[in-house]
C-alpha cells in the first residue's frame, strides 16, 4: 500500500483593509511571496510604507473551530524608500560679499558658502 502525502503550497495576498497603507502601491506574487512596486516613489513625499500581507496554506486546518479553512497568518512588512539624488543644490542667498585685507596671509579663508538640497 502506497501512502501519498498531498502537497499544499502557500499562497500570498496583500490584505485589503483600511489600515493597510501600502495596498495601492505594491503587489505580491501569489506563489513566491515576492513583492513588487506598482508606482514610482518619491522619498521626499513619504519615506516608508507598511504593507500587510497574508500567507495561507492550501490544506484545511486541523485546528478546532477552523471550519475547514486553511491555516493563515498576517504580518505587516515595513518597506523603506531609498533616496535618489533628484533635487539640485541651491544657495541660501543670491549674492555673497566679503572683504579681505591686502596684507592677509596666503590661504586665509575669505568666505565660506554652503549649498543645500532637498534630498536626505
PDB file of N, CA and C in Angstrom:
ATOM      1  N   UNK A   1       0.836  -1.164   0.000  1.00  0.00           N
ATOM      2  CA  UNK A   1       0.000   0.000   0.000  1.00  0.00           C
ATOM      3  C   UNK A   1       0.889   1.238   0.000  1.00  0.00           C
ATOM      4  N   UNK A   2       0.630   2.134  -0.914  1.00  0.00           N
ATOM      5  CA  UNK A   2       1.388   3.376  -1.006  1.00  0.00           C
ATOM      6  C   UNK A   2       0.590   4.496  -0.346  1.00  0.00           C
ATOM      7  N   UNK A   3       1.282   5.269   0.481  1.00  0.00           N
ATOM      8  CA  UNK A   3       0.652   6.456   1.058  1.00  0.00           C
ATOM      9  C   UNK A   3       1.158   7.655   0.292  1.00  0.00           C
ATOM     10  N   UNK A   4       0.260   8.428  -0.187  1.00  0.00           N
ATOM     11  CA  UNK A   4       0.657   9.608  -0.933  1.00  0.00           C
ATOM     12  C   UNK A   4       0.293  10.839  -0.108  1.00  0.00           C
ATOM     13  N   UNK A   5       1.307  11.551   0.298  1.00  0.00           N
ATOM     14  CA  UNK A   5       1.066  12.782   1.057  1.00  0.00           C
ATOM     15  C   UNK A   5       0.828  13.905   0.055  1.00  0.00           C
ATOM     16  N   UNK A   6      -0.290  14.577   0.198  1.00  0.00           N
ATOM     17  CA  UNK A   6      -0.598  15.679  -0.707  1.00  0.00           C
ATOM     18  C   UNK A   6       0.242  16.884  -0.340  1.00  0.00           C
ATOM     19  N   UNK A   7       0.684  17.581  -1.336  1.00  0.00           N
ATOM     20  CA  UNK A   7       1.480  18.776  -1.128  1.00  0.00           C
ATOM     21  C   UNK A   7       0.590  19.999  -1.293  1.00  0.00           C
ATOM     22  N   UNK A   8       0.558  20.828  -0.292  1.00  0.00           N
ATOM     23  CA  UNK A   8      -0.234  22.049  -0.332  1.00  0.00           C
ATOM     24  C   UNK A   8       0.718  23.227  -0.259  1.00  0.00           C
ATOM     25  N   UNK A   9       0.710  24.054  -1.271  1.00  0.00           N
ATOM     26  CA  UNK A   9       1.589  25.212  -1.296  1.00  0.00           C
ATOM     27  C   UNK A   9       1.010  26.377  -0.524  1.00  0.00           C
ATOM     28  N   UNK A  10       1.880  27.282  -0.190  1.00  0.00           N
ATOM     29  CA  UNK A  10       1.485  28.511   0.485  1.00  0.00           C
ATOM     30  C   UNK A  10       1.200  29.565  -0.578  1.00  0.00           C
ATOM     31  N   UNK A  11       0.118  30.306  -0.406  1.00  0.00           N
ATOM     32  CA  UNK A  11      -0.192  31.423  -1.297  1.00  0.00           C
ATOM     33  C   UNK A  11      -0.190  32.707  -0.487  1.00  0.00           C
ATOM     34  N   UNK A  12       0.156  33.792  -1.172  1.00  0.00           N
ATOM     35  CA  UNK A  12       0.357  35.084  -0.513  1.00  0.00           C
ATOM     36  C   UNK A  12      -0.608  36.112  -1.092  1.00  0.00           C
ATOM     37  N   UNK A  13      -1.065  37.021  -0.226  1.00  0.00           N
ATOM     38  CA  UNK A  13      -2.031  38.036  -0.623  1.00  0.00           C
ATOM     39  C   UNK A  13      -1.703  39.358   0.059  1.00  0.00           C
ATOM     40  N   UNK A  14      -2.000  40.452  -0.613  1.00  0.00           N
ATOM     41  CA  UNK A  14      -1.991  41.768   0.026  1.00  0.00           C
ATOM     42  C   UNK A  14      -3.356  41.912   0.684  1.00  0.00           C
ATOM     43  N   UNK A  15      -3.362  42.209   1.969  1.00  0.00           N
ATOM     44  CA  UNK A  15      -4.606  42.314   2.719  1.00  0.00           C
ATOM     45  C   UNK A  15      -5.345  43.587   2.312  1.00  0.00           C
ATOM     46  N   UNK A  16      -6.626  43.440   2.025  1.00  0.00           N
ATOM     47  CA  UNK A  16      -7.454  44.576   1.630  1.00  0.00           C
ATOM     48  C   UNK A  16      -8.165  45.120   2.872  1.00  0.00           C
ATOM     49  N   UNK A  17      -7.483  46.022   3.573  1.00  0.00           N
ATOM     50  CA  UNK A  17      -8.091  46.647   4.746  1.00  0.00           C
ATOM     51  C   UNK A  17      -7.703  48.120   4.776  1.00  0.00           C
ATOM     52  N   UNK A  18      -8.471  48.912   5.495  1.00  0.00           N
ATOM     53  CA  UNK A  18      -8.209  50.351   5.572  1.00  0.00           C
ATOM     54  C   UNK A  18      -6.889  50.668   6.261  1.00  0.00           C
ATOM     55  N   UNK A  19      -6.419  49.808   7.144  1.00  0.00           N
ATOM     56  CA  UNK A  19      -5.170  50.088   7.855  1.00  0.00           C
ATOM     57  C   UNK A  19      -3.926  49.689   7.057  1.00  0.00           C
ATOM     58  N   UNK A  20      -4.127  49.105   5.889  1.00  0.00           N
ATOM     59  CA  UNK A  20      -3.009  48.680   5.044  1.00  0.00           C
ATOM     60  C   UNK A  20      -2.645  49.821   4.094  1.00  0.00           C
ATOM     61  N   UNK A  21      -1.726  50.700   4.527  1.00  0.00           N
ATOM     62  CA  UNK A  21      -1.409  51.898   3.739  1.00  0.00           C
ATOM     63  C   UNK A  21      -0.669  51.590   2.447  1.00  0.00           C
ATOM     64  N   UNK A  22      -0.039  50.446   2.326  1.00  0.00           N
ATOM     65  CA  UNK A  22       0.722  50.135   1.130  1.00  0.00           C
ATOM     66  C   UNK A  22      -0.026  49.349   0.072  1.00  0.00           C
ATOM     67  N   UNK A  23      -1.299  49.036   0.299  1.00  0.00           N
ATOM     68  CA  UNK A  23      -2.014  48.135  -0.615  1.00  0.00           C
ATOM     69  C   UNK A  23      -2.157  48.679  -2.032  1.00  0.00           C
ATOM     70  N   UNK A  24      -2.163  49.988  -2.185  1.00  0.00           N
ATOM     71  CA  UNK A  24      -2.304  50.585  -3.522  1.00  0.00           C
ATOM     72  C   UNK A  24      -0.974  50.674  -4.269  1.00  0.00           C
ATOM     73  N   UNK A  25       0.130  50.519  -3.557  1.00  0.00           N
ATOM     74  CA  UNK A  25       1.451  50.800  -4.133  1.00  0.00           C
ATOM     75  C   UNK A  25       2.297  49.560  -4.401  1.00  0.00           C
ATOM     76  N   UNK A  26       1.857  48.409  -3.880  1.00  0.00           N
ATOM     77  CA  UNK A  26       2.637  47.183  -4.027  1.00  0.00           C
ATOM     78  C   UNK A  26       1.720  46.031  -4.421  1.00  0.00           C
ATOM     79  N   UNK A  27       2.317  45.026  -5.067  1.00  0.00           N
ATOM     80  CA  UNK A  27       1.599  43.789  -5.352  1.00  0.00           C
ATOM     81  C   UNK A  27       2.507  42.630  -4.987  1.00  0.00           C
ATOM     82  N   UNK A  28       1.904  41.485  -4.760  1.00  0.00           N
ATOM     83  CA  UNK A  28       2.680  40.332  -4.316  1.00  0.00           C
ATOM     84  C   UNK A  28       2.423  39.166  -5.272  1.00  0.00           C
ATOM     85  N   UNK A  29       3.473  38.418  -5.564  1.00  0.00           N
ATOM     86  CA  UNK A  29       3.336  37.210  -6.360  1.00  0.00           C
ATOM     87  C   UNK A  29       2.705  36.151  -5.468  1.00  0.00           C
ATOM     88  N   UNK A  30       1.535  35.664  -5.850  1.00  0.00           N
ATOM     89  CA  UNK A  30       0.795  34.718  -5.005  1.00  0.00           C
ATOM     90  C   UNK A  30       1.565  33.444  -4.710  1.00  0.00           C
ATOM     91  N   UNK A  31       2.419  33.029  -5.627  1.00  0.00           N
ATOM     92  CA  UNK A  31       3.118  31.751  -5.455  1.00  0.00           C
ATOM     93  C   UNK A  31       4.466  31.871  -4.740  1.00  0.00           C
ATOM     94  N   UNK A  32       5.176  32.984  -4.962  1.00  0.00           N
ATOM     95  CA  UNK A  32       6.533  33.107  -4.410  1.00  0.00           C
ATOM     96  C   UNK A  32       6.628  34.044  -3.212  1.00  0.00           C
ATOM     97  N   UNK A  33       5.658  34.957  -3.065  1.00  0.00           N
ATOM     98  CA  UNK A  33       5.730  35.937  -1.989  1.00  0.00           C
ATOM     99  C   UNK A  33       6.575  37.149  -2.331  1.00  0.00           C
ATOM    100  N   UNK A  34       7.099  37.219  -3.563  1.00  0.00           N
ATOM    101  CA  UNK A  34       7.876  38.385  -3.969  1.00  0.00           C
ATOM    102  C   UNK A  34       6.965  39.598  -4.056  1.00  0.00           C
ATOM    103  N   UNK A  35       7.465  40.740  -3.549  1.00  0.00           N
ATOM    104  CA  UNK A  35       6.696  41.974  -3.544  1.00  0.00           C
ATOM    105  C   UNK A  35       7.260  42.904  -4.604  1.00  0.00           C
ATOM    106  N   UNK A  36       6.358  43.503  -5.399  1.00  0.00           N
ATOM    107  CA  UNK A  36       6.744  44.387  -6.493  1.00  0.00           C
ATOM    108  C   UNK A  36       6.075  45.746  -6.320  1.00  0.00           C
ATOM    109  N   UNK A  37       6.704  46.775  -6.853  1.00  0.00           N
ATOM    110  CA  UNK A  37       6.122  48.114  -6.812  1.00  0.00           C
ATOM    111  C   UNK A  37       5.142  48.291  -7.955  1.00  0.00           C
ATOM    112  N   UNK A  38       4.140  49.150  -7.729  1.00  0.00           N
ATOM    113  CA  UNK A  38       3.144  49.460  -8.757  1.00  0.00           C
ATOM    114  C   UNK A  38       3.250  50.909  -9.221  1.00  0.00           C
ATOM    115  N   UNK A  39       4.053  51.722  -8.517  1.00  0.00           N
ATOM    116  CA  UNK A  39       4.195  53.137  -8.848  1.00  0.00           C
ATOM    117  C   UNK A  39       5.665  53.533  -8.743  1.00  0.00           C
ATOM    118  N   UNK A  40       5.975  54.750  -9.177  1.00  0.00           N
ATOM    119  CA  UNK A  40       7.287  55.346  -8.947  1.00  0.00           C
ATOM    120  C   UNK A  40       7.177  56.182  -7.676  1.00  0.00           C
ATOM    121  N   UNK A  41       8.087  55.993  -6.743  1.00  0.00           N
ATOM    122  CA  UNK A  41       8.019  56.638  -5.437  1.00  0.00           C
ATOM    123  C   UNK A  41       8.855  57.907  -5.395  1.00  0.00           C
ATOM    124  N   UNK A  42       8.521  58.776  -4.456  1.00  0.00           N
ATOM    125  CA  UNK A  42       9.289  59.990  -4.173  1.00  0.00           C
ATOM    126  C   UNK A  42       9.596  59.995  -2.686  1.00  0.00           C
ATOM    127  N   UNK A  43      10.861  59.798  -2.348  1.00  0.00           N
ATOM    128  CA  UNK A  43      11.298  59.709  -0.951  1.00  0.00           C
ATOM    129  C   UNK A  43      10.946  60.962  -0.159  1.00  0.00           C
ATOM    130  N   UNK A  44      10.939  62.113  -0.825  1.00  0.00           N
ATOM    131  CA  UNK A  44      10.648  63.355  -0.123  1.00  0.00           C
ATOM    132  C   UNK A  44       9.164  63.449   0.284  1.00  0.00           C
ATOM    133  N   UNK A  45       8.294  62.701  -0.379  1.00  0.00           N
ATOM    134  CA  UNK A  45       6.871  62.702  -0.007  1.00  0.00           C
ATOM    135  C   UNK A  45       6.585  61.724   1.122  1.00  0.00           C
ATOM    136  N   UNK A  46       7.146  60.513   1.044  1.00  0.00           N
ATOM    137  CA  UNK A  46       6.952  59.509   2.087  1.00  0.00           C
ATOM    138  C   UNK A  46       8.137  58.556   2.062  1.00  0.00           C
ATOM    139  N   UNK A  47       8.708  58.326   3.232  1.00  0.00           N
ATOM    140  CA  UNK A  47       9.934  57.540   3.325  1.00  0.00           C
ATOM    141  C   UNK A  47       9.748  56.060   3.565  1.00  0.00           C
ATOM    142  N   UNK A  48       8.547  55.641   3.974  1.00  0.00           N
ATOM    143  CA  UNK A  48       8.326  54.218   4.253  1.00  0.00           C
ATOM    144  C   UNK A  48       6.833  53.917   4.168  1.00  0.00           C
ATOM    145  N   UNK A  49       6.546  52.652   3.922  1.00  0.00           N
ATOM    146  CA  UNK A  49       5.171  52.169   3.848  1.00  0.00           C
ATOM    147  C   UNK A  49       5.053  50.898   4.668  1.00  0.00           C
ATOM    148  N   UNK A  50       3.891  50.696   5.254  1.00  0.00           N
ATOM    149  CA  UNK A  50       3.589  49.443   5.945  1.00  0.00           C
ATOM    150  C   UNK A  50       2.646  48.657   5.049  1.00  0.00           C
ATOM    151  N   UNK A  51       3.074  47.484   4.673  1.00  0.00           N
ATOM    152  CA  UNK A  51       2.275  46.624   3.795  1.00  0.00           C
ATOM    153  C   UNK A  51       1.849  45.396   4.585  1.00  0.00           C
ATOM    154  N   UNK A  52       0.539  45.165   4.673  1.00  0.00           N
ATOM    155  CA  UNK A  52       0.032  43.993   5.381  1.00  0.00           C
ATOM    156  C   UNK A  52      -0.181  42.868   4.372  1.00  0.00           C
ATOM    157  N   UNK A  53       0.456  41.740   4.641  1.00  0.00           N
ATOM    158  CA  UNK A  53       0.323  40.585   3.752  1.00  0.00           C
ATOM    159  C   UNK A  53      -0.188  39.382   4.543  1.00  0.00           C
ATOM    160  N   UNK A  54      -0.797  38.469   3.818  1.00  0.00           N
ATOM    161  CA  UNK A  54      -1.315  37.241   4.413  1.00  0.00           C
ATOM    162  C   UNK A  54      -0.731  36.058   3.663  1.00  0.00           C
ATOM    163  N   UNK A  55      -0.368  35.025   4.408  1.00  0.00           N
ATOM    164  CA  UNK A  55       0.082  33.758   3.822  1.00  0.00           C
ATOM    165  C   UNK A  55      -0.909  32.679   4.253  1.00  0.00           C
ATOM    166  N   UNK A  56      -1.357  31.875   3.275  1.00  0.00           N
ATOM    167  CA  UNK A  56      -2.290  30.782   3.558  1.00  0.00           C
ATOM    168  C   UNK A  56      -1.721  29.482   3.009  1.00  0.00           C
ATOM    169  N   UNK A  57      -1.850  28.419   3.811  1.00  0.00           N
ATOM    170  CA  UNK A  57      -1.502  27.123   3.236  1.00  0.00           C
ATOM    171  C   UNK A  57      -2.737  26.576   2.524  1.00  0.00           C
ATOM    172  N   UNK A  58      -2.550  25.569   1.717  1.00  0.00           N
ATOM    173  CA  UNK A  58      -3.647  25.115   0.870  1.00  0.00           C
ATOM    174  C   UNK A  58      -4.485  24.003   1.449  1.00  0.00           C
ATOM    175  N   UNK A  59      -4.172  23.557   2.654  1.00  0.00           N
ATOM    176  CA  UNK A  59      -4.898  22.423   3.226  1.00  0.00           C
ATOM    177  C   UNK A  59      -5.886  22.898   4.276  1.00  0.00           C
ATOM    178  N   UNK A  60      -6.987  22.187   4.435  1.00  0.00           N
ATOM    179  CA  UNK A  60      -7.911  22.521   5.523  1.00  0.00           C
ATOM    180  C   UNK A  60      -7.198  22.373   6.872  1.00  0.00           C
ATOM    181  N   UNK A  61      -7.428  23.329   7.741  1.00  0.00           N
ATOM    182  CA  UNK A  61      -6.762  23.315   9.040  1.00  0.00           C
ATOM    183  C   UNK A  61      -7.321  22.223   9.942  1.00  0.00           C
ATOM    184  N   UNK A  62      -6.473  21.640  10.756  1.00  0.00           N
ATOM    185  CA  UNK A  62      -6.897  20.634  11.735  1.00  0.00           C
ATOM    186  C   UNK A  62      -7.190  21.297  13.080  1.00  0.00           C
ATOM    187  N   UNK A  63      -7.022  22.613  13.162  1.00  0.00           N
ATOM    188  CA  UNK A  63      -7.286  23.309  14.421  1.00  0.00           C
ATOM    189  C   UNK A  63      -8.778  23.316  14.722  1.00  0.00           C
ATOM    190  N   UNK A  64      -9.110  23.273  16.000  1.00  0.00           N
ATOM    191  CA  UNK A  64     -10.534  23.345  16.366  1.00  0.00           C
ATOM    192  C   UNK A  64     -11.147  24.670  15.908  1.00  0.00           C
ATOM    193  N   UNK A  65     -12.403  24.639  15.548  1.00  0.00           N
ATOM    194  CA  UNK A  65     -13.161  25.822  15.129  1.00  0.00           C
ATOM    195  C   UNK A  65     -12.628  26.483  13.861  1.00  0.00           C
ATOM    196  N   UNK A  66     -11.891  25.765  13.046  1.00  0.00           N
ATOM    197  CA  UNK A  66     -11.356  26.342  11.808  1.00  0.00           C
ATOM    198  C   UNK A  66     -12.340  26.213  10.648  1.00  0.00           C
ATOM    199  N   UNK A  67     -13.365  25.404  10.827  1.00  0.00           N
ATOM    200  CA  UNK A  67     -14.388  25.190   9.799  1.00  0.00           C
ATOM    201  C   UNK A  67     -13.793  24.785   8.452  1.00  0.00           C
ATOM    202  N   UNK A  68     -12.704  24.045   8.482  1.00  0.00           N
ATOM    203  CA  UNK A  68     -12.096  23.557   7.247  1.00  0.00           C
ATOM    204  C   UNK A  68     -11.344  24.593   6.445  1.00  0.00           C
ATOM    205  N   UNK A  69     -11.197  25.809   6.987  1.00  0.00           N
ATOM    206  CA  UNK A  69     -10.444  26.855   6.300  1.00  0.00           C
ATOM    207  C   UNK A  69      -8.944  26.568   6.427  1.00  0.00           C
ATOM    208  N   UNK A  70      -8.135  27.055   5.493  1.00  0.00           N
ATOM    209  CA  UNK A  70      -6.689  26.827   5.593  1.00  0.00           C
ATOM    210  C   UNK A  70      -6.084  27.641   6.740  1.00  0.00           C
ATOM    211  N   UNK A  71      -4.932  27.211   7.191  1.00  0.00           N
ATOM    212  CA  UNK A  71      -4.180  27.991   8.175  1.00  0.00           C
ATOM    213  C   UNK A  71      -3.688  29.263   7.502  1.00  0.00           C
ATOM    214  N   UNK A  72      -3.641  30.365   8.243  1.00  0.00           N
ATOM    215  CA  UNK A  72      -3.150  31.615   7.668  1.00  0.00           C
ATOM    216  C   UNK A  72      -2.506  32.467   8.743  1.00  0.00           C
ATOM    217  N   UNK A  73      -1.701  33.397   8.295  1.00  0.00           N
ATOM    218  CA  UNK A  73      -1.058  34.359   9.195  1.00  0.00           C
ATOM    219  C   UNK A  73      -0.925  35.677   8.438  1.00  0.00           C
ATOM    220  N   UNK A  74      -1.090  36.789   9.127  1.00  0.00           N
ATOM    221  CA  UNK A  74      -0.881  38.099   8.514  1.00  0.00           C
ATOM    222  C   UNK A  74       0.230  38.812   9.261  1.00  0.00           C
ATOM    223  N   UNK A  75       0.993  39.583   8.517  1.00  0.00           N
ATOM    224  CA  UNK A  75       2.101  40.367   9.072  1.00  0.00           C
ATOM    225  C   UNK A  75       2.198  41.682   8.338  1.00  0.00           C
ATOM    226  N   UNK A  76       2.679  42.702   9.054  1.00  0.00           N
ATOM    227  CA  UNK A  76       3.000  43.970   8.421  1.00  0.00           C
ATOM    228  C   UNK A  76       4.463  43.938   8.009  1.00  0.00           C
ATOM    229  N   UNK A  77       4.728  44.399   6.817  1.00  0.00           N
ATOM    230  CA  UNK A  77       6.090  44.486   6.297  1.00  0.00           C
ATOM    231  C   UNK A  77       6.379  45.961   6.072  1.00  0.00           C
ATOM    232  N   UNK A  78       7.459  46.442   6.689  1.00  0.00           N
ATOM    233  CA  UNK A  78       7.844  47.842   6.509  1.00  0.00           C
ATOM    234  C   UNK A  78       8.767  47.927   5.307  1.00  0.00           C
ATOM    235  N   UNK A  79       8.394  48.765   4.348  1.00  0.00           N
ATOM    236  CA  UNK A  79       9.188  48.942   3.135  1.00  0.00           C
ATOM    237  C   UNK A  79       9.698  50.370   3.122  1.00  0.00           C
ATOM    238  N   UNK A  80      11.014  50.530   3.214  1.00  0.00           N
ATOM    239  CA  UNK A  80      11.634  51.854   3.186  1.00  0.00           C
ATOM    240  C   UNK A  80      11.937  52.269   1.756  1.00  0.00           C
ATOM    241  N   UNK A  81      11.776  53.559   1.489  1.00  0.00           N
ATOM    242  CA  UNK A  81      12.065  54.108   0.173  1.00  0.00           C
ATOM    243  C   UNK A  81      13.410  54.813   0.251  1.00  0.00           C
ATOM    244  N   UNK A  82      14.373  54.330  -0.515  1.00  0.00           N
ATOM    245  CA  UNK A  82      15.711  54.932  -0.516  1.00  0.00           C
ATOM    246  C   UNK A  82      15.677  56.240  -1.300  1.00  0.00           C
ATOM    247  N   UNK A  83      16.490  57.173  -0.862  1.00  0.00           N
ATOM    248  CA  UNK A  83      16.518  58.473  -1.519  1.00  0.00           C
ATOM    249  C   UNK A  83      17.342  58.404  -2.797  1.00  0.00           C
ATOM    250  N   UNK A  84      16.915  59.164  -3.768  1.00  0.00           N
ATOM    251  CA  UNK A  84      17.597  59.284  -5.044  1.00  0.00           C
ATOM    252  C   UNK A  84      18.038  60.741  -5.162  1.00  0.00           C
ATOM    253  N   UNK A  85      19.175  60.982  -5.728  1.00  0.00           N
ATOM    254  CA  UNK A  85      19.675  62.348  -5.876  1.00  0.00           C
ATOM    255  C   UNK A  85      18.921  63.016  -7.024  1.00  0.00           C
ATOM    256  N   UNK A  86      17.704  63.493  -6.707  1.00  0.00           N
ATOM    257  CA  UNK A  86      16.845  64.055  -7.746  1.00  0.00           C
ATOM    258  C   UNK A  86      16.507  65.527  -7.521  1.00  0.00           C
ATOM    259  N   UNK A  87      17.214  66.177  -6.604  1.00  0.00           N
ATOM    260  CA  UNK A  87      16.990  67.601  -6.351  1.00  0.00           C
ATOM    261  C   UNK A  87      18.304  68.360  -6.540  1.00  0.00           C
ATOM    262  N   UNK A  88      18.280  69.470  -7.258  1.00  0.00           N
ATOM    263  CA  UNK A  88      19.513  70.230  -7.483  1.00  0.00           C
ATOM    264  C   UNK A  88      19.920  70.994  -6.224  1.00  0.00           C
ATOM    265  N   UNK A  89      21.209  71.242  -6.080  1.00  0.00           N
ATOM    266  CA  UNK A  89      21.652  72.058  -4.939  1.00  0.00           C
ATOM    267  C   UNK A  89      21.239  73.518  -5.131  1.00  0.00           C
ATOM    268  N   UNK A  90      21.204  74.250  -4.023  1.00  0.00           N
ATOM    269  CA  UNK A  90      20.879  75.673  -4.078  1.00  0.00           C
ATOM    270  C   UNK A  90      21.636  76.404  -2.970  1.00  0.00           C
ATOM    271  N   UNK A  91      21.829  77.700  -3.167  1.00  0.00           N
ATOM    272  CA  UNK A  91      22.420  78.561  -2.157  1.00  0.00           C
ATOM    273  C   UNK A  91      21.314  79.324  -1.450  1.00  0.00           C
ATOM    274  N   UNK A  92      21.538  79.668  -0.188  1.00  0.00           N
ATOM    275  CA  UNK A  92      20.549  80.439   0.570  1.00  0.00           C
ATOM    276  C   UNK A  92      20.399  81.861   0.047  1.00  0.00           C
ATOM    277  N   UNK A  93      21.488  82.444  -0.474  1.00  0.00           N
ATOM    278  CA  UNK A  93      21.457  83.827  -0.941  1.00  0.00           C
ATOM    279  C   UNK A  93      21.781  83.878  -2.424  1.00  0.00           C
ATOM    280  N   UNK A  94      21.348  84.974  -3.061  1.00  0.00           N
ATOM    281  CA  UNK A  94      21.695  85.195  -4.463  1.00  0.00           C
ATOM    282  C   UNK A  94      23.077  85.809  -4.602  1.00  0.00           C
ATOM    283  N   UNK A  95      23.519  86.530  -3.584  1.00  0.00           N
ATOM    284  CA  UNK A  95      24.795  87.232  -3.636  1.00  0.00           C
ATOM    285  C   UNK A  95      25.498  87.123  -2.292  1.00  0.00           C
ATOM    286  N   UNK A  96      26.778  86.777  -2.332  1.00  0.00           N
ATOM    287  CA  UNK A  96      27.621  86.753  -1.138  1.00  0.00           C
ATOM    288  C   UNK A  96      28.718  87.789  -1.342  1.00  0.00           C
ATOM    289  N   UNK A  97      29.022  88.581  -0.324  1.00  0.00           N
ATOM    290  CA  UNK A  97      30.080  89.579  -0.408  1.00  0.00           C
ATOM    291  C   UNK A  97      31.037  89.390   0.752  1.00  0.00           C
ATOM    292  N   UNK A  98      32.323  89.669   0.489  1.00  0.00           N
ATOM    293  CA  UNK A  98      33.333  89.591   1.534  1.00  0.00           C
ATOM    294  C   UNK A  98      34.452  90.571   1.216  1.00  0.00           C
ATOM    295  N   UNK A  99      35.160  90.968   2.237  1.00  0.00           N
ATOM    296  CA  UNK A  99      36.336  91.823   2.071  1.00  0.00           C
ATOM    297  C   UNK A  99      37.528  91.099   2.666  1.00  0.00           C
ATOM    298  N   UNK A 100      38.689  91.378   2.077  1.00  0.00           N
ATOM    299  CA  UNK A 100      39.919  90.799   2.603  1.00  0.00           C
ATOM    300  C   UNK A 100      40.979  91.892   2.615  1.00  0.00           C
ATOM    301  N   UNK A 101      41.735  91.962   3.704  1.00  0.00           N
ATOM    302  CA  UNK A 101      42.826  92.944   3.784  1.00  0.00           C
ATOM    303  C   UNK A 101      43.926  92.556   2.816  1.00  0.00           C
ATOM    304  N   UNK A 102      44.569  93.573   2.244  1.00  0.00           N
ATOM    305  CA  UNK A 102      45.601  93.290   1.251  1.00  0.00           C
ATOM    306  C   UNK A 102      46.828  92.606   1.836  1.00  0.00           C
ATOM    307  N   UNK A 103      47.001  92.653   3.145  1.00  0.00           N
ATOM    308  CA  UNK A 103      48.178  92.033   3.741  1.00  0.00           C
ATOM    309  C   UNK A 103      47.858  90.714   4.458  1.00  0.00           C
ATOM    310  N   UNK A 104      46.705  90.115   4.149  1.00  0.00           N
ATOM    311  CA  UNK A 104      46.364  88.823   4.760  1.00  0.00           C
ATOM    312  C   UNK A 104      47.324  87.749   4.263  1.00  0.00           C
ATOM    313  N   UNK A 105      47.497  86.733   5.100  1.00  0.00           N
ATOM    314  CA  UNK A 105      48.354  85.608   4.738  1.00  0.00           C
ATOM    315  C   UNK A 105      47.750  84.831   3.568  1.00  0.00           C
ATOM    316  N   UNK A 106      48.630  84.158   2.840  1.00  0.00           N
ATOM    317  CA  UNK A 106      48.185  83.241   1.791  1.00  0.00           C
ATOM    318  C   UNK A 106      47.388  82.123   2.460  1.00  0.00           C
ATOM    319  N   UNK A 107      46.379  81.640   1.792  1.00  0.00           N
ATOM    320  CA  UNK A 107      45.487  80.585   2.278  1.00  0.00           C
ATOM    321  C   UNK A 107      44.537  81.059   3.379  1.00  0.00           C
ATOM    322  N   UNK A 108      44.416  82.379   3.559  1.00  0.00           N
ATOM    323  CA  UNK A 108      43.465  82.914   4.528  1.00  0.00           C
ATOM    324  C   UNK A 108      42.038  82.697   4.002  1.00  0.00           C
ATOM    325  N   UNK A 109      41.157  82.207   4.861  1.00  0.00           N
ATOM    326  CA  UNK A 109      39.768  81.993   4.454  1.00  0.00           C
ATOM    327  C   UNK A 109      39.084  83.338   4.306  1.00  0.00           C
ATOM    328  N   UNK A 110      38.534  83.562   3.141  1.00  0.00           N
ATOM    329  CA  UNK A 110      37.847  84.816   2.862  1.00  0.00           C
ATOM    330  C   UNK A 110      36.355  84.671   3.149  1.00  0.00           C
ATOM    331  N   UNK A 111      35.761  83.577   2.694  1.00  0.00           N
ATOM    332  CA  UNK A 111      34.337  83.370   2.848  1.00  0.00           C
ATOM    333  C   UNK A 111      34.035  81.886   2.715  1.00  0.00           C
ATOM    334  N   UNK A 112      33.116  81.408   3.492  1.00  0.00           N
ATOM    335  CA  UNK A 112      32.660  80.024   3.375  1.00  0.00           C
ATOM    336  C   UNK A 112      31.188  80.056   2.984  1.00  0.00           C
ATOM    337  N   UNK A 113      30.854  79.377   1.887  1.00  0.00           N
ATOM    338  CA  UNK A 113      29.462  79.258   1.462  1.00  0.00           C
ATOM    339  C   UNK A 113      29.062  77.798   1.505  1.00  0.00           C
ATOM    340  N   UNK A 114      27.788  77.574   1.720  1.00  0.00           N
ATOM    341  CA  UNK A 114      27.276  76.214   1.799  1.00  0.00           C
ATOM    342  C   UNK A 114      26.070  76.073   0.886  1.00  0.00           C
ATOM    343  N   UNK A 115      26.079  75.051   0.071  1.00  0.00           N
ATOM    344  CA  UNK A 115      24.932  74.728  -0.773  1.00  0.00           C
ATOM    345  C   UNK A 115      24.130  73.617  -0.091  1.00  0.00           C
ATOM    346  N   UNK A 116      22.842  73.611  -0.337  1.00  0.00           N
ATOM    347  CA  UNK A 116      21.938  72.593   0.234  1.00  0.00           C
ATOM    348  C   UNK A 116      21.127  71.974  -0.891  1.00  0.00           C
ATOM    349  N   UNK A 117      20.471  70.849  -0.586  1.00  0.00           N
ATOM    350  CA  UNK A 117      19.446  70.324  -1.488  1.00  0.00           C
ATOM    351  C   UNK A 117      18.391  69.631  -0.656  1.00  0.00           C
ATOM    352  N   UNK A 118      17.273  69.288  -1.264  1.00  0.00           N
ATOM    353  CA  UNK A 118      16.156  68.703  -0.537  1.00  0.00           C
ATOM    354  C   UNK A 118      16.256  67.192  -0.395  1.00  0.00           C
ATOM    355  N   UNK A 119      17.292  66.583  -0.934  1.00  0.00           N
ATOM    356  CA  UNK A 119      17.480  65.151  -0.758  1.00  0.00           C
ATOM    357  C   UNK A 119      17.981  64.878   0.658  1.00  0.00           C
ATOM    358  N   UNK A 120      17.605  63.736   1.199  1.00  0.00           N
ATOM    359  CA  UNK A 120      18.108  63.358   2.516  1.00  0.00           C
ATOM    360  C   UNK A 120      19.472  62.727   2.400  1.00  0.00           C
TER     361      UNK A 120
END
